[in-house]
Amino acid sequence: MAIELLYFAWVREAVGRDGETVDPPADVDTVAALVDWLESRGGGYAEAFADRSRLRVAVDQEFTGFDASLADVHEVALFPPVTGG
């Protein structure tokens, strides 16, 4: 199951890229499990995904939570909360 990942703002900076295509293990079936798997890669991934309270997620361009299923998902975007003023 190939998933296109998109990273924005400081998440992109920590990971060192703006996106990638990944093929996570079969047991990675939710966004939370995907983030755990990414964090286990260490380095910038561990830094970017250590505190989920600082992250927001969109699955196939729809805002969602970390409990969202990855069944039939094509794209996951990870980014900090958006602020305005």
PDB file of N, CA and C in Angstrom:
ATOM      1  N   MET A   1       0.850  -1.172   0.000  1.00  0.00           N
ATOM      2  CA  MET A   1       0.000   0.000   0.000  1.00  0.00           C
ATOM      3  C   MET A   1       0.895   1.234   0.000  1.00  0.00           C
ATOM      4  N   ALA A   2       1.106   1.820  -1.132  1.00  0.00           N
ATOM      5  CA  ALA A   2       1.932   3.034  -1.231  1.00  0.00           C
ATOM      6  C   ALA A   2       1.095   4.251  -0.833  1.00  0.00           C
ATOM      7  N   ILE A   3       1.678   5.086   0.018  1.00  0.00           N
ATOM      8  CA  ILE A   3       1.018   6.302   0.487  1.00  0.00           C
ATOM      9  C   ILE A   3       1.937   7.484   0.219  1.00  0.00           C
ATOM     10  N   GLU A   4       1.385   8.523  -0.370  1.00  0.00           N
ATOM     11  CA  GLU A   4       2.125   9.764  -0.597  1.00  0.00           C
ATOM     12  C   GLU A   4       2.040  10.594   0.686  1.00  0.00           C
ATOM     13  N   LEU A   5       3.181  10.927   1.257  1.00  0.00           N
ATOM     14  CA  LEU A   5       3.236  11.761   2.452  1.00  0.00           C
ATOM     15  C   LEU A   5       3.656  13.167   2.067  1.00  0.00           C
ATOM     16  N   LEU A   6       3.009  14.150   2.666  1.00  0.00           N
ATOM     17  CA  LEU A   6       3.351  15.556   2.468  1.00  0.00           C
ATOM     18  C   LEU A   6       3.669  16.161   3.824  1.00  0.00           C
ATOM     19  N   TYR A   7       4.760  16.906   3.904  1.00  0.00           N
ATOM     20  CA  TYR A   7       5.191  17.547   5.144  1.00  0.00           C
ATOM     21  C   TYR A   7       5.230  19.050   4.925  1.00  0.00           C
ATOM     22  N   PHE A   8       4.757  19.808   5.920  1.00  0.00           N
ATOM     23  CA  PHE A   8       4.707  21.257   5.803  1.00  0.00           C
ATOM     24  C   PHE A   8       5.355  21.938   6.996  1.00  0.00           C
ATOM     25  N   ALA A   9       5.851  23.157   6.765  1.00  0.00           N
ATOM     26  CA  ALA A   9       6.420  24.055   7.794  1.00  0.00           C
ATOM     27  C   ALA A   9       7.557  23.360   8.538  1.00  0.00           C
ATOM     28  N   TRP A  10       7.566  23.449   9.876  1.00  0.00           N
ATOM     29  CA  TRP A  10       8.702  22.901  10.622  1.00  0.00           C
ATOM     30  C   TRP A  10       8.764  21.377  10.541  1.00  0.00           C
ATOM     31  N   VAL A  11       7.658  20.708  10.221  1.00  0.00           N
ATOM     32  CA  VAL A  11       7.704  19.252  10.025  1.00  0.00           C
ATOM     33  C   VAL A  11       8.604  18.958   8.824  1.00  0.00           C
ATOM     34  N   ARG A  12       8.406  19.701   7.744  1.00  0.00           N
ATOM     35  CA  ARG A  12       9.248  19.547   6.547  1.00  0.00           C
ATOM     36  C   ARG A  12      10.711  19.806   6.878  1.00  0.00           C
ATOM     37  N   GLU A  13      10.964  20.833   7.657  1.00  0.00           N
ATOM     38  CA  GLU A  13      12.347  21.167   8.017  1.00  0.00           C
ATOM     39  C   GLU A  13      12.985  20.070   8.853  1.00  0.00           C
ATOM     40  N   ALA A  14      12.244  19.524   9.812  1.00  0.00           N
ATOM     41  CA  ALA A  14      12.796  18.472  10.678  1.00  0.00           C
ATOM     42  C   ALA A  14      13.077  17.198   9.891  1.00  0.00           C
ATOM     43  N   VAL A  15      12.153  16.821   9.024  1.00  0.00           N
ATOM     44  CA  VAL A  15      12.300  15.593   8.245  1.00  0.00           C
ATOM     45  C   VAL A  15      13.337  15.765   7.128  1.00  0.00           C
ATOM     46  N   GLY A  16      13.446  16.991   6.617  1.00  0.00           N
ATOM     47  CA  GLY A  16      14.438  17.259   5.584  1.00  0.00           C
ATOM     48  C   GLY A  16      13.934  17.075   4.164  1.00  0.00           C
ATOM     49  N   ARG A  17      12.619  17.007   4.010  1.00  0.00           N
ATOM     50  CA  ARG A  17      12.022  16.878   2.679  1.00  0.00           C
ATOM     51  C   ARG A  17      10.572  17.329   2.750  1.00  0.00           C
ATOM     52  N   ASP A  18       9.997  17.643   1.601  1.00  0.00           N
ATOM     53  CA  ASP A  18       8.611  18.114   1.605  1.00  0.00           C
ATOM     54  C   ASP A  18       7.607  16.986   1.372  1.00  0.00           C
ATOM     55  N   GLY A  19       8.109  15.820   1.051  1.00  0.00           N
ATOM     56  CA  GLY A  19       7.227  14.678   0.870  1.00  0.00           C
ATOM     57  C   GLY A  19       7.990  13.448   0.442  1.00  0.00           C
ATOM     58  N   GLU A  20       7.283  12.335   0.427  1.00  0.00           N
ATOM     59  CA  GLU A  20       7.868  11.075  -0.004  1.00  0.00           C
ATOM     60  C   GLU A  20       6.744  10.062  -0.186  1.00  0.00           C
ATOM     61  N   THR A  21       7.035   9.022  -0.894  1.00  0.00           N
ATOM     62  CA  THR A  21       6.109   7.904  -1.037  1.00  0.00           C
ATOM     63  C   THR A  21       6.643   6.772  -0.182  1.00  0.00           C
ATOM     64  N   VAL A  22       5.773   6.218   0.663  1.00  0.00           N
ATOM     65  CA  VAL A  22       6.183   5.131   1.551  1.00  0.00           C
ATOM     66  C   VAL A  22       5.263   3.937   1.357  1.00  0.00           C
ATOM     67  N   ASP A  23       5.768   2.781   1.725  1.00  0.00           N
ATOM     68  CA  ASP A  23       4.990   1.545   1.704  1.00  0.00           C
ATOM     69  C   ASP A  23       5.133   0.920   3.089  1.00  0.00           C
ATOM     70  N   PRO A  24       4.304   1.387   4.041  1.00  0.00           N
ATOM     71  CA  PRO A  24       4.450   0.918   5.423  1.00  0.00           C
ATOM     72  C   PRO A  24       4.048  -0.549   5.573  1.00  0.00           C
ATOM     73  N   PRO A  25       4.483  -1.186   6.659  1.00  0.00           N
ATOM     74  CA  PRO A  25       4.099  -2.577   6.916  1.00  0.00           C
ATOM     75  C   PRO A  25       2.574  -2.720   7.015  1.00  0.00           C
ATOM     76  N   ALA A  26       2.081  -3.909   6.811  1.00  0.00           N
ATOM     77  CA  ALA A  26       0.639  -4.181   6.795  1.00  0.00           C
ATOM     78  C   ALA A  26      -0.048  -3.821   8.112  1.00  0.00           C
ATOM     79  N   ASP A  27       0.666  -3.918   9.226  1.00  0.00           N
ATOM     80  CA  ASP A  27       0.034  -3.615  10.522  1.00  0.00           C
ATOM     81  C   ASP A  27      -0.105  -2.108  10.775  1.00  0.00           C
ATOM     82  N   VAL A  28       0.404  -1.288   9.893  1.00  0.00           N
ATOM     83  CA  VAL A  28       0.248   0.173   9.992  1.00  0.00           C
ATOM     84  C   VAL A  28      -1.071   0.512   9.308  1.00  0.00           C
ATOM     85  N   ASP A  29      -2.151   0.558  10.121  1.00  0.00           N
ATOM     86  CA  ASP A  29      -3.488   0.692   9.545  1.00  0.00           C
ATOM     87  C   ASP A  29      -4.235   1.959   9.948  1.00  0.00           C
ATOM     88  N   THR A  30      -3.599   2.817  10.763  1.00  0.00           N
ATOM     89  CA  THR A  30      -4.180   4.104  11.138  1.00  0.00           C
ATOM     90  C   THR A  30      -3.116   5.188  10.983  1.00  0.00           C
ATOM     91  N   VAL A  31      -3.553   6.431  11.005  1.00  0.00           N
ATOM     92  CA  VAL A  31      -2.592   7.536  10.947  1.00  0.00           C
ATOM     93  C   VAL A  31      -1.663   7.465  12.157  1.00  0.00           C
ATOM     94  N   ALA A  32      -2.184   7.147  13.340  1.00  0.00           N
ATOM     95  CA  ALA A  32      -1.346   7.039  14.543  1.00  0.00           C
ATOM     96  C   ALA A  32      -0.251   5.999  14.357  1.00  0.00           C
ATOM     97  N   ALA A  33      -0.616   4.839  13.812  1.00  0.00           N
ATOM     98  CA  ALA A  33       0.372   3.791  13.571  1.00  0.00           C
ATOM     99  C   ALA A  33       1.394   4.235  12.531  1.00  0.00           C
ATOM    100  N   LEU A  34       0.948   4.977  11.531  1.00  0.00           N
ATOM    101  CA  LEU A  34       1.869   5.513  10.517  1.00  0.00           C
ATOM    102  C   LEU A  34       2.870   6.469  11.156  1.00  0.00           C
ATOM    103  N   VAL A  35       2.392   7.358  12.007  1.00  0.00           N
ATOM    104  CA  VAL A  35       3.275   8.316  12.675  1.00  0.00           C
ATOM    105  C   VAL A  35       4.247   7.574  13.596  1.00  0.00           C
ATOM    106  N   ASP A  36       3.779   6.542  14.301  1.00  0.00           N
ATOM    107  CA  ASP A  36       4.681   5.718  15.129  1.00  0.00           C
ATOM    108  C   ASP A  36       5.774   5.106  14.267  1.00  0.00           C
ATOM    109  N   TRP A  37       5.381   4.563  13.124  1.00  0.00           N
ATOM    110  CA  TRP A  37       6.336   3.929  12.220  1.00  0.00           C
ATOM    111  C   TRP A  37       7.343   4.946  11.689  1.00  0.00           C
ATOM    112  N   LEU A  38       6.856   6.116  11.302  1.00  0.00           N
ATOM    113  CA  LEU A  38       7.763   7.166  10.832  1.00  0.00           C
ATOM    114  C   LEU A  38       8.716   7.603  11.938  1.00  0.00           C
ATOM    115  N   GLU A  39       8.187   7.796  13.142  1.00  0.00           N
ATOM    116  CA  GLU A  39       9.011   8.227  14.275  1.00  0.00           C
ATOM    117  C   GLU A  39      10.120   7.216  14.558  1.00  0.00           C
ATOM    118  N   SER A  40       9.831   5.930  14.358  1.00  0.00           N
ATOM    119  CA  SER A  40      10.829   4.884  14.621  1.00  0.00           C
ATOM    120  C   SER A  40      12.013   4.947  13.663  1.00  0.00           C
ATOM    121  N   ARG A  41      11.901   5.729  12.595  1.00  0.00           N
ATOM    122  CA  ARG A  41      13.018   5.896  11.662  1.00  0.00           C
ATOM    123  C   ARG A  41      14.150   6.707  12.281  1.00  0.00           C
ATOM    124  N   GLY A  42      13.852   7.404  13.380  1.00  0.00           N
ATOM    125  CA  GLY A  42      14.872   8.174  14.077  1.00  0.00           C
ATOM    126  C   GLY A  42      15.159   9.503  13.417  1.00  0.00           C
ATOM    127  N   GLY A  43      16.218  10.152  13.869  1.00  0.00           N
ATOM    128  CA  GLY A  43      16.659  11.425  13.305  1.00  0.00           C
ATOM    129  C   GLY A  43      15.572  12.474  13.273  1.00  0.00           C
ATOM    130  N   GLY A  44      15.437  13.134  12.143  1.00  0.00           N
ATOM    131  CA  GLY A  44      14.448  14.187  11.972  1.00  0.00           C
ATOM    132  C   GLY A  44      13.020  13.693  12.120  1.00  0.00           C
ATOM    133  N   TYR A  45      12.781  12.428  11.778  1.00  0.00           N
ATOM    134  CA  TYR A  45      11.438  11.864  11.934  1.00  0.00           C
ATOM    135  C   TYR A  45      11.072  11.808  13.422  1.00  0.00           C
ATOM    136  N   ALA A  46      11.985  11.336  14.234  1.00  0.00           N
ATOM    137  CA  ALA A  46      11.730  11.267  15.678  1.00  0.00           C
ATOM    138  C   ALA A  46      11.472  12.661  16.239  1.00  0.00           C
ATOM    139  N   GLU A  47      12.227  13.625  15.775  1.00  0.00           N
ATOM    140  CA  GLU A  47      12.047  15.008  16.222  1.00  0.00           C
ATOM    141  C   GLU A  47      10.684  15.553  15.795  1.00  0.00           C
ATOM    142  N   ALA A  48      10.317  15.335  14.555  1.00  0.00           N
ATOM    143  CA  ALA A  48       9.073  15.892  14.012  1.00  0.00           C
ATOM    144  C   ALA A  48       7.830  15.273  14.632  1.00  0.00           C
ATOM    145  N   PHE A  49       7.874  13.987  14.964  1.00  0.00           N
ATOM    146  CA  PHE A  49       6.670  13.284  15.369  1.00  0.00           C
ATOM    147  C   PHE A  49       6.624  12.920  16.849  1.00  0.00           C
ATOM    148  N   ALA A  50       7.537  13.439  17.643  1.00  0.00           N
ATOM    149  CA  ALA A  50       7.598  13.109  19.067  1.00  0.00           C
ATOM    150  C   ALA A  50       6.399  13.641  19.854  1.00  0.00           C
ATOM    151  N   ASP A  51       5.857  14.783  19.466  1.00  0.00           N
ATOM    152  CA  ASP A  51       4.765  15.413  20.213  1.00  0.00           C
ATOM    153  C   ASP A  51       3.577  15.625  19.286  1.00  0.00           C
ATOM    154  N   ARG A  52       2.647  14.699  19.314  1.00  0.00           N
ATOM    155  CA  ARG A  52       1.497  14.774  18.397  1.00  0.00           C
ATOM    156  C   ARG A  52       0.575  15.946  18.686  1.00  0.00           C
ATOM    157  N   SER A  53       0.654  16.503  19.880  1.00  0.00           N
ATOM    158  CA  SER A  53      -0.194  17.667  20.171  1.00  0.00           C
ATOM    159  C   SER A  53       0.207  18.861  19.314  1.00  0.00           C
ATOM    160  N   ARG A  54       1.391  18.801  18.719  1.00  0.00           N
ATOM    161  CA  ARG A  54       1.887  19.877  17.856  1.00  0.00           C
ATOM    162  C   ARG A  54       1.627  19.593  16.379  1.00  0.00           C
ATOM    163  N   LEU A  55       0.855  18.547  16.082  1.00  0.00           N
ATOM    164  CA  LEU A  55       0.625  18.137  14.695  1.00  0.00           C
ATOM    165  C   LEU A  55      -0.849  18.117  14.338  1.00  0.00           C
ATOM    166  N   ARG A  56      -1.119  18.355  13.085  1.00  0.00           N
ATOM    167  CA  ARG A  56      -2.440  18.173  12.494  1.00  0.00           C
ATOM    168  C   ARG A  56      -2.262  17.265  11.291  1.00  0.00           C
ATOM    169  N   VAL A  57      -3.359  16.646  10.877  1.00  0.00           N
ATOM    170  CA  VAL A  57      -3.266  15.675   9.783  1.00  0.00           C
ATOM    171  C   VAL A  57      -4.456  15.833   8.838  1.00  0.00           C
ATOM    172  N   ALA A  58      -4.173  15.607   7.566  1.00  0.00           N
ATOM    173  CA  ALA A  58      -5.221  15.525   6.550  1.00  0.00           C
ATOM    174  C   ALA A  58      -5.000  14.236   5.767  1.00  0.00           C
ATOM    175  N   VAL A  59      -6.085  13.532   5.533  1.00  0.00           N
ATOM    176  CA  VAL A  59      -6.047  12.292   4.759  1.00  0.00           C
ATOM    177  C   VAL A  59      -6.840  12.526   3.480  1.00  0.00           C
ATOM    178  N   ASP A  60      -6.174  12.342   2.372  1.00  0.00           N
ATOM    179  CA  ASP A  60      -6.784  12.619   1.063  1.00  0.00           C
ATOM    180  C   ASP A  60      -7.473  13.980   1.051  1.00  0.00           C
ATOM    181  N   GLN A  61      -6.759  14.970   1.576  1.00  0.00           N
ATOM    182  CA  GLN A  61      -7.138  16.388   1.588  1.00  0.00           C
ATOM    183  C   GLN A  61      -8.346  16.710   2.465  1.00  0.00           C
ATOM    184  N   GLU A  62      -8.619  15.848   3.472  1.00  0.00           N
ATOM    185  CA  GLU A  62      -9.676  16.102   4.451  1.00  0.00           C
ATOM    186  C   GLU A  62      -9.049  16.080   5.839  1.00  0.00           C
ATOM    187  N   PHE A  63      -9.267  17.157   6.617  1.00  0.00           N
ATOM    188  CA  PHE A  63      -8.770  17.166   7.981  1.00  0.00           C
ATOM    189  C   PHE A  63      -9.368  15.994   8.748  1.00  0.00           C
ATOM    190  N   THR A  64      -8.552  15.345   9.556  1.00  0.00           N
ATOM    191  CA  THR A  64      -8.998  14.182  10.315  1.00  0.00           C
ATOM    192  C   THR A  64      -8.156  14.041  11.571  1.00  0.00           C
ATOM    193  N   GLY A  65      -8.404  12.998  12.330  1.00  0.00           N
ATOM    194  CA  GLY A  65      -7.644  12.724  13.539  1.00  0.00           C
ATOM    195  C   GLY A  65      -6.665  11.585  13.320  1.00  0.00           C
ATOM    196  N   PHE A  66      -5.881  11.323  14.343  1.00  0.00           N
ATOM    197  CA  PHE A  66      -4.871  10.277  14.247  1.00  0.00           C
ATOM    198  C   PHE A  66      -5.464   8.874  14.267  1.00  0.00           C
ATOM    199  N   ASP A  67      -6.739   8.761  14.622  1.00  0.00           N
ATOM    200  CA  ASP A  67      -7.393   7.460  14.631  1.00  0.00           C
ATOM    201  C   ASP A  67      -7.948   7.081  13.260  1.00  0.00           C
ATOM    202  N   ALA A  68      -7.774   7.935  12.260  1.00  0.00           N
ATOM    203  CA  ALA A  68      -8.293   7.673  10.911  1.00  0.00           C
ATOM    204  C   ALA A  68      -7.637   6.435  10.301  1.00  0.00           C
ATOM    205  N   SER A  69      -8.446   5.662   9.630  1.00  0.00           N
ATOM    206  CA  SER A  69      -7.976   4.458   8.941  1.00  0.00           C
ATOM    207  C   SER A  69      -7.170   4.830   7.703  1.00  0.00           C
ATOM    208  N   LEU A  70      -6.232   3.975   7.361  1.00  0.00           N
ATOM    209  CA  LEU A  70      -5.444   4.161   6.143  1.00  0.00           C
ATOM    210  C   LEU A  70      -5.955   3.300   4.986  1.00  0.00           C
ATOM    211  N   ALA A  71      -7.084   2.632   5.178  1.00  0.00           N
ATOM    212  CA  ALA A  71      -7.646   1.797   4.110  1.00  0.00           C
ATOM    213  C   ALA A  71      -7.986   2.666   2.906  1.00  0.00           C
ATOM    214  N   ASP A  72      -7.465   2.296   1.769  1.00  0.00           N
ATOM    215  CA  ASP A  72      -7.720   2.993   0.502  1.00  0.00           C
ATOM    216  C   ASP A  72      -7.260   4.450   0.488  1.00  0.00           C
ATOM    217  N   VAL A  73      -6.307   4.805   1.333  1.00  0.00           N
ATOM    218  CA  VAL A  73      -5.786   6.176   1.405  1.00  0.00           C
ATOM    219  C   VAL A  73      -4.663   6.338   0.391  1.00  0.00           C
ATOM    220  N   HIS A  74      -4.643   7.490  -0.266  1.00  0.00           N
ATOM    221  CA  HIS A  74      -3.599   7.791  -1.241  1.00  0.00           C
ATOM    222  C   HIS A  74      -2.602   8.820  -0.723  1.00  0.00           C
ATOM    223  N   GLU A  75      -3.071   9.741   0.150  1.00  0.00           N
ATOM    224  CA  GLU A  75      -2.222  10.856   0.577  1.00  0.00           C
ATOM    225  C   GLU A  75      -2.476  11.194   2.045  1.00  0.00           C
ATOM    226  N   VAL A  76      -1.385  11.426   2.775  1.00  0.00           N
ATOM    227  CA  VAL A  76      -1.453  11.895   4.162  1.00  0.00           C
ATOM    228  C   VAL A  76      -0.559  13.118   4.275  1.00  0.00           C
ATOM    229  N   ALA A  77      -1.127  14.195   4.783  1.00  0.00           N
ATOM    230  CA  ALA A  77      -0.356  15.429   5.014  1.00  0.00           C
ATOM    231  C   ALA A  77      -0.207  15.644   6.507  1.00  0.00           C
ATOM    232  N   LEU A  78       1.000  15.997   6.921  1.00  0.00           N
ATOM    233  CA  LEU A  78       1.299  16.259   8.332  1.00  0.00           C
ATOM    234  C   LEU A  78       1.860  17.665   8.452  1.00  0.00           C
ATOM    235  N   PHE A  79       1.312  18.440   9.386  1.00  0.00           N
ATOM    236  CA  PHE A  79       1.658  19.855   9.481  1.00  0.00           C
ATOM    237  C   PHE A  79       1.330  20.382  10.868  1.00  0.00           C
ATOM    238  N   PRO A  80       1.917  21.516  11.245  1.00  0.00           N
ATOM    239  CA  PRO A  80       1.573  22.135  12.523  1.00  0.00           C
ATOM    240  C   PRO A  80       0.217  22.818  12.442  1.00  0.00           C
ATOM    241  N   PRO A  81      -0.370  23.106  13.605  1.00  0.00           N
ATOM    242  CA  PRO A  81      -1.638  23.852  13.583  1.00  0.00           C
ATOM    243  C   PRO A  81      -1.463  25.174  12.848  1.00  0.00           C
ATOM    244  N   VAL A  82      -2.493  25.572  12.139  1.00  0.00           N
ATOM    245  CA  VAL A  82      -2.470  26.823  11.398  1.00  0.00           C
ATOM    246  C   VAL A  82      -2.937  27.941  12.323  1.00  0.00           C
ATOM    247  N   THR A  83      -2.171  29.020  12.341  1.00  0.00           N
ATOM    248  CA  THR A  83      -2.563  30.158  13.140  1.00  0.00           C
ATOM    249  C   THR A  83      -2.735  31.372  12.239  1.00  0.00           C
ATOM    250  N   GLY A  84      -3.492  32.279  12.683  1.00  0.00           N
ATOM    251  CA  GLY A  84      -3.709  33.489  11.892  1.00  0.00           C
ATOM    252  C   GLY A  84      -3.816  34.697  12.805  1.00  0.00           C
ATOM    253  N   GLY A  85      -3.960  35.820  12.219  1.00  0.00           N
ATOM    254  CA  GLY A  85      -4.045  36.983  13.073  1.00  0.00           C
ATOM    255  C   GLY A  85      -4.616  38.165  12.368  1.00  0.00           C
TER     256      GLY A  85
END
